[in-house]
Amino acid sequence: MIDDRVAQAPVQQSPLEYALELLHRAVALSCLIQGTAYWVRLMGFFEGAEWRFDLMSPHWQVAAAPLAVLFPFAAVGLWTLASWGPVIWFICALAEIVMYGLFPELYGTRSLLIALHALVAVCYAVLRLAIHIRRRRSDVNRG
């Protein structure tokens, strides 16, 4: 017979894990906004050649269509804390870093966006590393 108190005990989350969860949720909201912005661009809500898919230059068509799909997909993965969420976000971030960092003559420059992607990647890596170190230390202390 299982003790009811043990079965109902909530899982304790460390401050580092909570911070990582908050980072996932904040980036998920950002991905949803970015995905919506790409869809707005593809559907042609605004006047201009680069604001409707059939009038876009080929390099924008190649970039905008996948990002319009991947950013909302990443948002779902990050919000639900799925393991694939950060992977999809990383693909999107890398694509935008390549677009705006390596091909500014085609896509323009968005230095702030590149810096924000880099900042999020560093924060994610630091939190994951800190959680890993904390778990290893607690395993060593137990065993």
Protein backbone atom coordinates (compact mmCIF):
# COMPACT_ATOMS: atom_id res chain seq x y z
CA MET A 1 0.00 0.00 0.00
CA ILE A 2 1.39 3.40 -0.99
CA ASP A 3 1.23 6.20 1.52
CA ASP A 4 -1.12 8.92 0.18
CA ARG A 5 1.20 11.68 1.40
CA VAL A 6 4.05 10.36 -0.75
CA ALA A 7 1.84 9.94 -3.82
CA GLN A 8 0.56 13.52 -3.55
CA ALA A 9 3.84 15.20 -2.67
CA PRO A 10 4.68 17.86 -5.26
CA VAL A 11 8.00 17.68 -7.05
CA GLN A 12 10.33 20.35 -5.69
CA GLN A 13 11.83 22.55 -8.35
CA SER A 14 15.17 24.23 -7.75
CA PRO A 15 15.57 27.96 -8.38
CA LEU A 16 17.77 27.15 -11.39
CA GLU A 17 15.10 24.90 -12.90
CA TYR A 18 12.48 27.56 -12.26
CA ALA A 19 14.69 30.17 -13.97
CA LEU A 20 15.11 27.85 -16.97
CA GLU A 21 11.34 27.36 -17.12
CA LEU A 22 10.82 31.13 -17.09
CA LEU A 23 13.40 31.54 -19.84
CA HIS A 24 11.60 28.90 -21.94
CA ARG A 25 8.26 30.65 -21.48
CA ALA A 26 9.67 34.12 -22.27
CA VAL A 27 11.38 32.86 -25.41
CA ALA A 28 8.16 31.02 -26.36
CA LEU A 29 6.23 34.30 -26.28
CA SER A 30 8.96 35.93 -28.35
CA CYS A 31 8.80 33.09 -30.88
CA LEU A 32 5.05 33.46 -31.15
CA ILE A 33 5.43 37.17 -31.87
CA GLN A 34 8.19 36.56 -34.42
CA GLY A 35 6.20 33.81 -36.10
CA THR A 36 3.18 36.08 -36.33
CA ALA A 37 5.37 38.81 -37.83
CA TYR A 38 6.59 36.42 -40.51
CA TRP A 39 3.00 35.36 -41.28
CA VAL A 40 1.97 39.01 -41.55
CA ARG A 41 4.82 39.51 -43.97
CA LEU A 42 3.85 36.46 -46.05
CA MET A 43 0.15 37.29 -46.22
CA GLY A 44 0.63 40.85 -47.40
CA PHE A 45 -1.11 42.96 -44.77
CA PHE A 46 1.09 45.91 -45.67
CA GLU A 47 1.92 47.56 -48.98
CA GLY A 48 5.28 46.83 -50.58
CA ALA A 49 7.06 44.24 -52.63
CA GLU A 50 8.64 42.51 -49.64
CA TRP A 51 5.33 42.28 -47.75
CA ARG A 52 3.54 39.65 -49.80
CA PHE A 53 4.83 36.20 -50.64
CA ASP A 54 4.17 36.28 -54.37
CA LEU A 55 5.89 39.67 -54.69
CA MET A 56 8.87 38.85 -52.47
CA SER A 57 12.32 38.34 -53.84
CA PRO A 58 13.36 34.68 -53.89
CA HIS A 59 15.80 35.02 -51.00
CA TRP A 60 13.00 36.39 -48.77
CA GLN A 61 10.65 33.62 -49.89
CA VAL A 62 13.24 31.01 -48.95
CA ALA A 63 13.79 32.58 -45.53
CA ALA A 64 10.33 33.80 -44.50
CA ALA A 65 8.24 30.72 -45.30
CA PRO A 66 10.15 28.22 -43.10
CA LEU A 67 10.55 30.74 -40.27
CA ALA A 68 6.81 31.49 -40.33
CA VAL A 69 6.22 27.80 -39.61
CA LEU A 70 9.16 27.07 -37.33
CA PHE A 71 8.82 30.00 -34.92
CA PRO A 72 5.28 29.07 -33.75
CA PHE A 73 6.36 25.42 -33.61
CA ALA A 74 9.30 26.43 -31.39
CA ALA A 75 6.91 28.49 -29.25
CA VAL A 76 4.77 25.42 -28.56
CA GLY A 77 7.80 23.30 -27.72
CA LEU A 78 9.27 25.92 -25.41
CA TRP A 79 5.97 26.67 -23.67
CA THR A 80 5.28 23.01 -22.98
CA LEU A 81 8.90 22.53 -21.87
CA ALA A 82 9.40 19.81 -24.48
CA SER A 83 12.98 18.80 -25.12
CA TRP A 84 12.70 19.65 -28.82
CA GLY A 85 11.55 23.25 -28.19
CA PRO A 86 15.02 24.74 -27.66
CA VAL A 87 16.32 22.80 -30.67
CA ILE A 88 13.72 24.33 -32.99
CA TRP A 89 14.35 27.78 -31.48
CA PHE A 90 18.10 27.31 -32.07
CA ILE A 91 17.44 26.51 -35.75
CA CYS A 92 15.31 29.67 -36.08
CA ALA A 93 17.85 31.82 -34.25
CA LEU A 94 20.71 30.45 -36.34
CA ALA A 95 18.75 31.14 -39.53
CA GLU A 96 18.14 34.75 -38.51
CA ILE A 97 21.76 35.21 -37.42
CA VAL A 98 22.89 33.98 -40.83
CA MET A 99 20.31 36.13 -42.62
CA TYR A 100 21.00 39.40 -40.84
CA GLY A 101 24.63 38.79 -39.90
CA LEU A 102 26.11 37.24 -43.03
CA PHE A 103 23.81 38.63 -45.71
CA PRO A 104 22.92 42.20 -44.67
CA GLU A 105 22.88 43.28 -48.32
CA LEU A 106 19.91 40.94 -48.90
CA TYR A 107 18.01 41.06 -45.58
CA GLY A 108 19.21 44.26 -43.95
CA THR A 109 20.90 44.57 -40.59
CA ARG A 110 19.25 43.72 -37.30
CA SER A 111 22.11 43.85 -34.83
CA LEU A 112 19.81 43.98 -31.80
CA LEU A 113 18.04 40.79 -32.87
CA ILE A 114 21.37 39.01 -33.35
CA ALA A 115 22.51 40.17 -29.91
CA LEU A 116 19.25 39.01 -28.31
CA HIS A 117 19.54 35.57 -29.91
CA ALA A 118 23.12 35.31 -28.64
CA LEU A 119 22.08 36.46 -25.16
CA VAL A 120 19.28 33.89 -24.97
CA ALA A 121 21.64 31.14 -26.14
CA VAL A 122 24.23 32.09 -23.50
CA CYS A 123 21.58 32.27 -20.75
CA TYR A 124 20.22 28.87 -21.76
CA ALA A 125 23.69 27.30 -21.83
CA VAL A 126 24.64 28.78 -18.45
CA LEU A 127 21.41 27.59 -16.81
CA ARG A 128 21.69 24.09 -18.27
CA LEU A 129 25.32 23.86 -17.17
CA ALA A 130 24.48 25.10 -13.66
CA ILE A 131 21.65 22.56 -13.36
CA HIS A 132 23.97 19.78 -14.56
CA ILE A 133 26.68 20.73 -12.06
CA ARG A 134 24.13 20.96 -9.22
CA ARG A 135 22.73 17.50 -10.04
CA ARG A 136 26.19 15.95 -10.24
CA ARG A 137 27.13 17.41 -6.86
CA SER A 138 23.92 16.16 -5.26
CA ASP A 139 24.50 12.70 -6.77
CA VAL A 140 28.05 12.64 -5.38
CA ASN A 141 26.83 13.71 -1.94
CA ARG A 142 24.16 10.98 -1.92
CA GLY A 143 26.40 8.21 -3.12
